[in-house]
N, C-alpha and C. Protein backbone atom coordinates (compact mmCIF):
# COMPACT_ATOMS: atom_id res chain seq x y z
N MET A 1 -15.73 -6.95 5.55
CA MET A 1 -15.07 -5.65 5.67
C MET A 1 -15.93 -4.56 4.67
N THR A 2 -15.88 -4.80 3.42
CA THR A 2 -16.55 -3.74 2.37
C THR A 2 -17.09 -4.75 1.34
N ASN A 3 -17.22 -4.12 0.39
CA ASN A 3 -17.78 -4.71 -0.60
C ASN A 3 -16.91 -4.71 -1.95
N VAL A 4 -15.78 -4.87 -1.38
CA VAL A 4 -14.49 -5.06 -2.40
C VAL A 4 -14.26 -6.50 -2.95
N PRO A 5 -14.25 -6.58 -4.40
CA PRO A 5 -13.99 -7.91 -4.60
C PRO A 5 -12.42 -8.44 -4.50
N TYR A 6 -12.51 -9.39 -4.01
CA TYR A 6 -11.40 -10.10 -3.41
C TYR A 6 -11.10 -11.33 -4.57
N VAL A 7 -9.94 -11.21 -5.75
CA VAL A 7 -10.01 -12.09 -6.30
C VAL A 7 -8.53 -12.74 -6.63
N ARG A 8 -8.26 -13.67 -7.13
CA ARG A 8 -6.85 -14.11 -7.39
C ARG A 8 -6.32 -13.32 -8.70
N VAL A 9 -4.98 -13.09 -8.57
CA VAL A 9 -4.38 -12.28 -9.74
C VAL A 9 -4.77 -12.72 -11.09
N ASN A 10 -4.59 -14.06 -11.20
CA ASN A 10 -5.18 -14.74 -12.64
C ASN A 10 -5.21 -16.20 -12.43
N ARG A 11 -5.92 -16.92 -13.29
CA ARG A 11 -6.17 -18.20 -13.08
C ARG A 11 -5.05 -19.07 -12.70
N GLN A 12 -3.84 -18.76 -12.89
CA GLN A 12 -2.79 -19.58 -12.41
C GLN A 12 -2.49 -19.75 -11.11
N TYR A 13 -3.03 -18.96 -10.17
CA TYR A 13 -2.63 -18.49 -8.92
C TYR A 13 -3.85 -19.02 -7.82
N VAL A 14 -3.39 -19.13 -6.81
CA VAL A 14 -4.52 -19.33 -5.73
C VAL A 14 -4.52 -17.83 -4.80
N ALA A 15 -5.49 -17.50 -4.53
CA ALA A 15 -5.73 -16.19 -3.87
C ALA A 15 -5.65 -16.26 -2.40
N MET A 16 -5.57 -15.22 -1.74
CA MET A 16 -5.34 -15.19 -0.14
C MET A 16 -6.92 -14.89 0.05
N THR A 17 -7.40 -15.13 1.37
CA THR A 17 -8.70 -14.80 1.77
C THR A 17 -8.59 -13.35 2.21
N GLU A 18 -9.68 -12.99 2.36
CA GLU A 18 -9.70 -11.35 2.77
C GLU A 18 -9.08 -11.03 4.12
N THR A 19 -9.18 -12.03 5.21
CA THR A 19 -8.23 -12.09 6.51
C THR A 19 -6.70 -12.02 5.82
N GLU A 20 -6.46 -12.97 5.13
CA GLU A 20 -5.20 -12.90 4.81
C GLU A 20 -4.49 -11.76 4.21
N VAL A 21 -5.17 -11.27 3.20
CA VAL A 21 -4.93 -10.04 2.57
C VAL A 21 -4.45 -9.13 3.15
N TRP A 22 -5.55 -8.66 4.21
CA TRP A 22 -5.19 -7.63 5.33
C TRP A 22 -3.79 -7.63 6.50
N SER A 23 -3.72 -9.19 6.52
CA SER A 23 -2.67 -9.38 7.66
C SER A 23 -1.51 -9.52 6.76
N PHE A 24 -1.42 -9.71 5.56
CA PHE A 24 -0.25 -9.68 4.63
C PHE A 24 -0.02 -8.00 4.28
N ILE A 25 -0.99 -7.29 3.98
CA ILE A 25 -0.56 -5.88 4.12
C ILE A 25 -0.07 -5.31 5.21
N ASP A 26 -0.69 -5.76 6.40
CA ASP A 26 -0.14 -5.12 7.52
C ASP A 26 1.11 -5.56 7.92
N SER A 27 1.73 -6.70 7.31
CA SER A 27 2.91 -7.35 7.99
C SER A 27 4.27 -6.63 6.77
N GLN A 28 3.54 -6.22 5.83
CA GLN A 28 4.96 -5.60 4.84
C GLN A 28 5.31 -4.11 5.39
N LYS A 29 6.67 -3.90 5.02
CA LYS A 29 7.10 -2.59 5.34
C LYS A 29 6.88 -2.01 4.14
N VAL A 30 7.20 -2.32 2.98
CA VAL A 30 7.32 -1.34 2.06
C VAL A 30 5.87 -1.57 0.92
N MET A 31 5.13 -0.64 0.32
CA MET A 31 4.07 -0.85 -0.44
C MET A 31 4.44 0.07 -1.63
N PHE A 32 4.32 -0.24 -3.11
CA PHE A 32 4.50 0.76 -4.24
C PHE A 32 3.07 1.33 -4.35
N ALA A 33 3.02 2.68 -4.53
CA ALA A 33 2.00 3.17 -4.94
C ALA A 33 2.15 3.71 -6.52
N ALA A 34 1.18 3.72 -7.28
CA ALA A 34 1.41 4.09 -8.62
C ALA A 34 0.02 4.93 -9.18
N PHE A 35 0.53 6.28 -9.88
CA PHE A 35 -0.51 7.21 -10.09
C PHE A 35 -0.10 7.44 -11.39
N VAL A 36 -0.82 8.03 -12.33
CA VAL A 36 -0.52 8.39 -13.67
C VAL A 36 -0.48 9.89 -13.55
N ASP A 37 0.67 10.33 -14.15
CA ASP A 37 1.09 11.85 -14.15
C ASP A 37 0.36 12.59 -15.37
N GLU A 38 0.64 13.76 -15.42
CA GLU A 38 -0.08 14.82 -16.20
C GLU A 38 0.56 14.36 -17.56
N ASN A 39 1.43 13.52 -17.70
CA ASN A 39 1.89 13.15 -19.28
C ASN A 39 1.40 11.88 -19.29
N GLU A 40 0.70 11.45 -18.50
CA GLU A 40 0.03 9.96 -18.70
C GLU A 40 1.01 8.63 -18.54
N TYR A 41 2.22 9.14 -17.76
CA TYR A 41 3.14 8.06 -17.51
C TYR A 41 2.74 7.66 -16.02
N PRO A 42 2.99 6.27 -15.62
CA PRO A 42 2.93 5.91 -14.10
C PRO A 42 4.18 6.56 -13.44
N HIS A 43 3.52 6.94 -12.09
CA HIS A 43 4.59 7.59 -11.30
C HIS A 43 4.39 6.53 -10.12
N VAL A 44 5.66 5.72 -9.97
CA VAL A 44 5.53 4.58 -9.05
C VAL A 44 6.55 4.95 -7.76
N THR A 45 6.03 5.03 -6.67
CA THR A 45 7.06 5.27 -5.49
C THR A 45 6.84 4.22 -4.08
N PRO A 46 7.60 3.93 -3.61
CA PRO A 46 7.57 3.18 -2.39
C PRO A 46 7.21 3.97 -1.22
N VAL A 47 6.39 3.51 -0.44
CA VAL A 47 5.77 4.34 0.67
C VAL A 47 5.62 3.29 1.95
N TRP A 48 5.92 3.85 3.12
CA TRP A 48 5.62 2.91 4.19
C TRP A 48 3.87 3.40 4.53
N HIS A 49 3.26 2.30 5.26
CA HIS A 49 1.85 2.46 5.13
C HIS A 49 1.40 1.79 6.18
N VAL A 50 0.23 2.14 6.62
CA VAL A 50 -0.50 1.26 7.51
C VAL A 50 -2.10 1.27 7.04
N SER A 51 -2.76 0.26 7.63
CA SER A 51 -4.30 0.15 7.31
C SER A 51 -5.28 0.20 8.58
N ILE A 52 -6.43 0.43 8.15
CA ILE A 52 -7.37 0.67 9.20
C ILE A 52 -8.70 0.39 8.65
N ASP A 53 -9.43 -0.63 9.04
CA ASP A 53 -10.85 -1.01 8.61
C ASP A 53 -10.82 -1.16 7.13
N GLY A 54 -10.12 -1.84 6.21
CA GLY A 54 -10.09 -2.02 4.73
C GLY A 54 -9.78 -0.96 4.09
N THR A 55 -9.06 0.38 4.81
CA THR A 55 -8.40 1.16 4.00
C THR A 55 -6.83 1.42 4.35
N VAL A 56 -6.09 1.78 3.23
CA VAL A 56 -4.51 2.01 3.46
C VAL A 56 -4.26 3.27 3.63
N TYR A 57 -3.27 3.88 4.29
CA TYR A 57 -2.53 5.23 4.68
C TYR A 57 -1.33 5.25 4.42
N PHE A 58 -0.88 6.42 3.70
CA PHE A 58 0.55 6.45 3.67
C PHE A 58 0.76 8.17 3.96
N ARG A 59 1.94 8.36 4.30
CA ARG A 59 2.18 9.98 4.35
C ARG A 59 2.99 10.20 2.96
N ALA A 60 2.73 11.60 2.75
CA ALA A 60 3.63 12.22 1.49
C ALA A 60 3.92 13.69 2.08
N THR A 61 5.06 14.02 1.80
CA THR A 61 5.35 15.53 1.62
C THR A 61 4.42 16.20 0.49
N SER A 62 3.95 17.08 1.12
CA SER A 62 3.00 17.86 0.25
C SER A 62 3.35 18.45 -1.40
N ASN A 63 4.87 18.52 -1.43
CA ASN A 63 5.51 19.08 -2.34
C ASN A 63 5.79 17.88 -3.22
N LYS A 64 5.87 16.68 -2.95
CA LYS A 64 6.19 15.75 -3.58
C LYS A 64 5.10 15.38 -4.59
N VAL A 65 5.36 14.57 -5.84
CA VAL A 65 4.73 14.27 -6.99
C VAL A 65 3.53 13.21 -6.57
N LYS A 66 3.81 12.42 -5.55
CA LYS A 66 2.98 11.54 -5.48
C LYS A 66 1.47 12.21 -4.62
N ALA A 67 1.70 13.25 -3.64
CA ALA A 67 0.81 14.00 -3.17
C ALA A 67 0.02 15.09 -4.09
N LYS A 68 0.72 15.47 -5.05
CA LYS A 68 0.12 16.27 -5.96
C LYS A 68 -0.66 15.39 -7.02
N LEU A 69 -0.55 14.12 -7.32
CA LEU A 69 -1.28 13.28 -8.04
C LEU A 69 -2.33 12.74 -7.05
N ALA A 70 -2.18 12.60 -5.97
CA ALA A 70 -3.13 11.41 -5.25
C ALA A 70 -4.67 12.12 -5.05
N ASN A 71 -4.75 13.26 -4.92
CA ASN A 71 -6.31 13.58 -4.40
C ASN A 71 -7.32 13.53 -5.50
N GLY A 72 -8.04 12.30 -5.46
CA GLY A 72 -9.36 12.13 -6.22
C GLY A 72 -8.85 11.03 -7.36
N ALA A 73 -7.47 10.59 -7.36
CA ALA A 73 -6.99 9.83 -8.49
C ALA A 73 -7.13 8.61 -8.12
N LYS A 74 -7.35 7.69 -9.47
CA LYS A 74 -7.06 6.44 -9.46
C LYS A 74 -5.43 6.15 -9.02
N VAL A 75 -5.46 4.87 -8.21
CA VAL A 75 -4.33 4.35 -7.87
C VAL A 75 -3.96 2.78 -7.67
N CYS A 76 -3.02 2.49 -8.07
CA CYS A 76 -2.64 0.90 -7.98
C CYS A 76 -1.71 0.70 -7.09
N CYS A 77 -1.76 -0.05 -5.97
CA CYS A 77 -0.57 -0.35 -5.02
C CYS A 77 -0.44 -1.96 -5.11
N THR A 78 0.80 -2.12 -4.95
CA THR A 78 1.56 -3.66 -4.77
C THR A 78 2.33 -3.64 -3.61
N LEU A 79 2.14 -4.96 -3.01
CA LEU A 79 2.99 -5.36 -2.13
C LEU A 79 3.15 -7.00 -2.53
N ALA A 80 4.70 -7.16 -2.29
CA ALA A 80 4.99 -8.86 -2.57
C ALA A 80 6.08 -8.96 -1.80
N ASP A 81 6.27 -10.43 -1.53
CA ASP A 81 7.43 -10.88 -0.86
C ASP A 81 7.76 -12.45 -1.33
N GLY A 82 8.74 -12.76 -0.80
CA GLY A 82 9.21 -14.23 -1.08
C GLY A 82 10.34 -14.41 -2.14
N GLU A 83 10.98 -15.37 -2.33
CA GLU A 83 12.29 -15.60 -3.09
C GLU A 83 12.14 -16.61 -3.98
N ARG A 84 11.68 -17.82 -3.41
CA ARG A 84 11.33 -19.17 -4.29
C ARG A 84 10.05 -19.03 -4.50
N PHE A 85 10.01 -19.67 -5.77
CA PHE A 85 8.55 -19.65 -6.61
C PHE A 85 7.34 -19.82 -5.73
N THR A 86 7.58 -21.20 -4.79
CA THR A 86 6.47 -21.72 -3.98
C THR A 86 6.39 -20.60 -2.69
N GLU A 87 7.20 -19.74 -2.61
CA GLU A 87 7.09 -18.79 -1.31
C GLU A 87 6.26 -17.25 -1.71
N LEU A 88 6.26 -17.10 -3.38
CA LEU A 88 6.05 -15.78 -3.82
C LEU A 88 4.32 -15.48 -3.26
N ARG A 89 4.15 -14.39 -2.74
CA ARG A 89 2.73 -14.11 -2.57
C ARG A 89 2.77 -12.36 -2.71
N GLY A 90 1.57 -12.01 -2.92
CA GLY A 90 1.62 -10.46 -3.26
C GLY A 90 -0.22 -10.07 -3.29
N VAL A 91 -0.23 -8.87 -3.39
CA VAL A 91 -1.34 -8.07 -3.12
C VAL A 91 -1.48 -6.76 -4.23
N VAL A 92 -2.62 -6.99 -5.14
CA VAL A 92 -2.33 -5.62 -5.78
C VAL A 92 -3.79 -4.97 -5.59
N ILE A 93 -3.73 -3.91 -5.24
CA ILE A 93 -4.84 -2.92 -4.69
C ILE A 93 -5.27 -2.02 -5.70
N ARG A 94 -6.55 -1.84 -6.34
CA ARG A 94 -6.99 -0.95 -7.23
C ARG A 94 -7.86 -0.05 -6.80
N GLY A 95 -7.60 1.11 -6.58
CA GLY A 95 -8.88 2.05 -5.98
C GLY A 95 -8.49 3.65 -6.02
N ARG A 96 -9.02 4.22 -5.43
CA ARG A 96 -9.14 5.75 -5.34
C ARG A 96 -8.32 6.28 -4.16
N ALA A 97 -7.76 7.37 -4.54
CA ALA A 97 -6.76 8.16 -3.50
C ALA A 97 -7.54 9.43 -3.03
N ARG A 98 -7.04 9.88 -2.00
CA ARG A 98 -7.40 11.31 -1.50
C ARG A 98 -6.65 11.79 -0.52
N VAL A 99 -6.47 12.88 -0.37
CA VAL A 99 -5.59 13.59 0.73
C VAL A 99 -6.55 13.75 2.01
N VAL A 100 -6.16 13.21 3.06
CA VAL A 100 -7.00 13.23 4.35
C VAL A 100 -6.83 14.66 5.08
N THR A 101 -7.79 15.22 5.25
CA THR A 101 -8.00 16.54 6.03
C THR A 101 -8.26 16.45 7.45
N ASP A 102 -9.24 15.28 8.00
CA ASP A 102 -9.36 15.33 9.17
C ASP A 102 -8.21 15.12 10.39
N ALA A 103 -8.23 15.97 11.14
CA ALA A 103 -6.72 16.12 12.08
C ALA A 103 -6.70 14.81 12.85
N ALA A 104 -8.07 14.34 13.32
CA ALA A 104 -7.96 13.24 14.22
C ALA A 104 -7.39 11.81 13.65
N LEU A 105 -7.78 11.88 12.37
CA LEU A 105 -7.55 10.62 11.27
C LEU A 105 -5.96 10.70 11.08
N ILE A 106 -5.64 11.93 10.60
CA ILE A 106 -4.13 12.19 10.48
C ILE A 106 -3.42 11.87 11.70
N LYS A 107 -3.61 12.18 12.93
CA LYS A 107 -2.63 12.00 13.89
C LYS A 107 -2.72 10.45 14.39
N ARG A 108 -4.07 9.61 14.02
CA ARG A 108 -4.07 8.30 14.45
C ARG A 108 -3.03 7.65 13.14
N CYS A 109 -3.33 7.78 12.17
CA CYS A 109 -2.52 7.27 11.07
C CYS A 109 -0.95 7.32 11.33
N SER A 110 -0.69 8.77 11.46
CA SER A 110 0.77 8.97 11.78
C SER A 110 1.34 8.22 13.18
N ASP A 111 0.58 8.12 14.28
CA ASP A 111 0.96 7.38 15.40
C ASP A 111 1.06 5.80 15.01
N LEU A 112 0.15 5.27 14.15
CA LEU A 112 0.26 3.99 13.75
C LEU A 112 1.63 3.93 12.84
N ILE A 113 1.79 4.83 12.04
CA ILE A 113 3.02 4.58 11.08
C ILE A 113 4.19 4.72 12.18
N ASN A 114 4.31 5.65 12.93
CA ASN A 114 5.67 5.83 13.90
C ASN A 114 5.77 4.62 14.70
N GLU A 115 4.71 3.78 15.12
CA GLU A 115 4.79 2.72 15.89
C GLU A 115 5.33 1.49 14.86
N LYS A 116 4.66 1.39 13.82
CA LYS A 116 5.02 0.26 12.87
C LYS A 116 6.50 0.22 12.46
N TYR A 117 7.15 1.59 12.08
CA TYR A 117 8.09 1.60 11.68
C TYR A 117 9.40 2.25 12.58
N VAL A 118 9.04 2.05 14.17
CA VAL A 118 10.11 2.74 15.11
C VAL A 118 11.45 1.89 14.72
N GLY A 119 12.39 2.60 14.89
CA GLY A 119 13.87 2.35 14.62
C GLY A 119 14.14 2.20 13.23
N LEU A 120 13.11 2.69 12.30
CA LEU A 120 13.87 2.31 10.85
C LEU A 120 13.72 3.92 10.32
N ARG A 121 13.36 4.84 11.15
CA ARG A 121 13.23 6.04 10.49
C ARG A 121 14.28 6.63 10.28
N SER A 122 14.29 7.87 9.70
CA SER A 122 15.85 8.56 9.41
C SER A 122 16.69 9.21 10.47
N ARG A 123 15.57 9.58 11.61
CA ARG A 123 16.25 10.10 12.88
C ARG A 123 17.11 9.12 13.62
N ASP A 124 16.28 7.66 13.62
CA ASP A 124 17.04 6.53 14.10
C ASP A 124 18.05 6.11 13.38
N LEU A 125 18.39 6.42 12.37
CA LEU A 125 19.46 5.85 11.76
C LEU A 125 20.79 6.69 11.32
N GLY A 126 20.88 8.06 12.08
CA GLY A 126 22.01 8.85 12.10
C GLY A 126 21.76 9.65 10.79
N VAL A 127 20.71 10.05 10.04
CA VAL A 127 20.70 10.80 8.59
C VAL A 127 21.26 12.21 9.45
N PRO A 128 21.82 12.88 8.56
CA PRO A 128 22.54 14.32 8.67
C PRO A 128 21.24 15.22 9.01
N ASP A 129 21.68 15.93 10.23
CA ASP A 129 20.63 17.12 10.60
C ASP A 129 20.27 17.86 9.63
N ARG A 130 21.29 18.38 8.81
CA ARG A 130 20.79 19.48 7.77
C ARG A 130 19.44 18.79 6.73
N TRP A 131 19.64 17.62 6.54
CA TRP A 131 18.45 16.69 5.86
C TRP A 131 17.37 16.94 6.44
N LEU A 132 17.33 16.26 7.89
CA LEU A 132 16.10 16.39 8.63
C LEU A 132 15.66 17.70 8.87
N THR A 133 16.62 18.83 9.09
CA THR A 133 15.96 20.18 9.17
C THR A 133 15.00 20.43 7.95
N ALA A 134 15.67 20.43 6.81
CA ALA A 134 15.02 20.54 5.70
C ALA A 134 13.58 19.93 5.39
N ARG A 135 13.69 18.49 5.77
CA ARG A 135 12.35 17.66 5.75
C ARG A 135 11.39 17.99 6.65
N ASP A 136 11.69 18.57 7.96
CA ASP A 136 10.53 18.86 9.03
C ASP A 136 10.22 20.13 8.78
N ALA A 137 10.82 20.99 8.02
CA ALA A 137 10.33 22.33 7.41
C ALA A 137 8.90 22.24 6.08
N GLU A 138 9.02 20.78 5.98
CA GLU A 138 8.00 20.61 4.65
C GLU A 138 6.66 20.23 5.14
N ILE A 139 5.56 20.50 4.55
CA ILE A 139 4.30 20.33 4.87
C ILE A 139 3.97 18.74 4.49
N THR A 140 3.57 18.13 5.54
CA THR A 140 3.36 16.63 5.26
C THR A 140 1.58 16.36 5.17
N SER A 141 1.24 15.52 4.17
CA SER A 141 -0.12 15.17 4.06
C SER A 141 -0.25 13.71 4.20
N MET A 142 -1.43 13.26 4.53
CA MET A 142 -1.80 11.64 4.61
C MET A 142 -2.65 11.53 3.47
N ILE A 143 -2.36 10.49 2.74
CA ILE A 143 -3.10 9.98 1.53
C ILE A 143 -3.59 8.81 1.93
N GLU A 144 -4.96 8.59 1.57
CA GLU A 144 -5.88 7.66 1.77
C GLU A 144 -6.19 6.66 0.73
N VAL A 145 -6.07 5.33 0.63
CA VAL A 145 -6.42 4.48 -0.48
C VAL A 145 -7.59 3.71 0.00
N THR A 146 -8.64 3.95 -0.64
CA THR A 146 -9.81 3.07 -0.56
C THR A 146 -9.92 1.98 -1.80
N PRO A 147 -9.67 0.78 -1.24
CA PRO A 147 -9.72 -0.18 -2.52
C PRO A 147 -11.14 -0.15 -3.41
N GLU A 148 -10.82 -0.75 -4.63
CA GLU A 148 -12.18 -0.96 -5.16
C GLU A 148 -12.01 -2.29 -5.69
N ARG A 149 -11.01 -2.95 -5.90
CA ARG A 149 -10.64 -4.24 -6.30
C ARG A 149 -9.28 -4.57 -5.52
N ILE A 150 -9.22 -5.87 -5.06
CA ILE A 150 -8.13 -6.36 -4.35
C ILE A 150 -7.65 -7.91 -5.12
N SER A 151 -6.44 -7.60 -5.99
CA SER A 151 -6.05 -9.11 -6.31
C SER A 151 -4.98 -9.57 -5.29
N SER A 152 -4.84 -10.85 -5.62
CA SER A 152 -3.55 -11.38 -4.59
C SER A 152 -3.28 -13.01 -5.02
N TRP A 153 -2.21 -13.29 -4.62
CA TRP A 153 -1.67 -14.82 -5.10
C TRP A 153 -0.79 -15.20 -3.80
N ASP A 154 -0.84 -16.67 -3.84
CA ASP A 154 -0.11 -17.03 -2.65
C ASP A 154 0.28 -18.35 -3.14
N ASN A 155 1.65 -18.60 -3.51
CA ASN A 155 2.00 -19.65 -4.00
C ASN A 155 2.20 -20.84 -2.92
N SER A 156 2.38 -20.50 -2.00
CA SER A 156 2.40 -21.51 -1.05
C SER A 156 1.14 -22.58 -0.96
N LYS A 157 0.09 -21.80 -1.41
CA LYS A 157 -1.27 -22.64 -1.54
C LYS A 157 -1.41 -23.46 -3.21
N LEU A 158 -0.38 -23.43 -3.72
CA LEU A 158 -0.34 -24.08 -5.15
C LEU A 158 -1.04 -25.54 -5.22
N ASP A 159 -0.75 -26.13 -3.93
CA ASP A 159 -1.40 -27.48 -3.57
C ASP A 159 -2.86 -27.68 -3.77
N SER A 160 -3.25 -26.64 -3.18
CA SER A 160 -4.90 -26.58 -3.54
C SER A 160 -5.27 -26.00 -4.91
N TRP A 161 -4.45 -25.62 -5.86
CA TRP A 161 -4.85 -25.12 -6.92
C TRP A 161 -5.87 -25.94 -7.89
N ASN A 162 -6.71 -25.35 -8.44
CA ASN A 162 -7.80 -26.18 -9.30
C ASN A 162 -7.90 -25.50 -10.53
N PRO A 163 -7.40 -26.10 -11.66
CA PRO A 163 -7.11 -25.55 -12.96
C PRO A 163 -8.77 -25.10 -13.41
N ASP A 164 -9.68 -26.01 -13.09
CA ASP A 164 -10.97 -25.63 -13.60
C ASP A 164 -11.90 -24.54 -12.77
N SER A 165 -11.21 -23.89 -11.71
CA SER A 165 -12.23 -23.07 -11.10
C SER A 165 -12.11 -21.89 -11.81
N ARG A 166 -13.35 -21.10 -12.17
CA ARG A 166 -13.47 -19.91 -12.75
C ARG A 166 -13.80 -18.82 -11.91
N ALA A 167 -13.45 -18.82 -10.70
CA ALA A 167 -14.16 -18.20 -9.53
C ALA A 167 -13.40 -16.64 -9.83
N ALA A 168 -12.34 -16.56 -10.44
CA ALA A 168 -11.58 -15.07 -10.60
C ALA A 168 -11.01 -15.15 -11.72
N THR A 169 -10.93 -13.82 -12.28
CA THR A 169 -10.15 -13.37 -13.41
C THR A 169 -8.77 -13.44 -13.31
C-alpha cells in the first residue's frame, strides 16, 4: 500500500500483517483520535471512521476542538478490542492530519460513513429533533489521517511469538 512501517507495538507482542491491520481498522466502529492542544495537552476523542487506500477519514463538526486542531497536525489514533488477554488486539496509527477540501472525496467518505454506521446514527435512535436541528446547522469537515507508522498487536498469535525476534521495536 505505502511506505508506512508496520511494526509490532513492542517486543512482547505479535504484530498483525498489513492486510490484517486494515481489515481490523475497517471492522472497528470507534477509533480514538488524539491531537495536542494549544496548552500541549492531549485532546482525545472517539470518532466514527472509514479507510480508503491506506488512509483513514472521519467527520468533525468545524467548530469542534478536533477539527480546529487537525489541519496539518500530528495525530495518534488507536483502535482496540477483546476482553480476555488472548483476545486482545489493536492498532496504533501515528501520522498527519488535514482537513479535506476536495468535494468528491468528502462525498465519498460521507457515503462510506453513512453506509458503515447505518442504524447507529442519532436520527436512527430517536435523538430529540431540537438537538438534530442544532447539529444540522453546524458546518461539517472531513479529516484525513495519513499514517507515518502503524503499530499493532494480536494476542491470539502469541503461540507464534519469538522472543528473540528483533524485527520491531
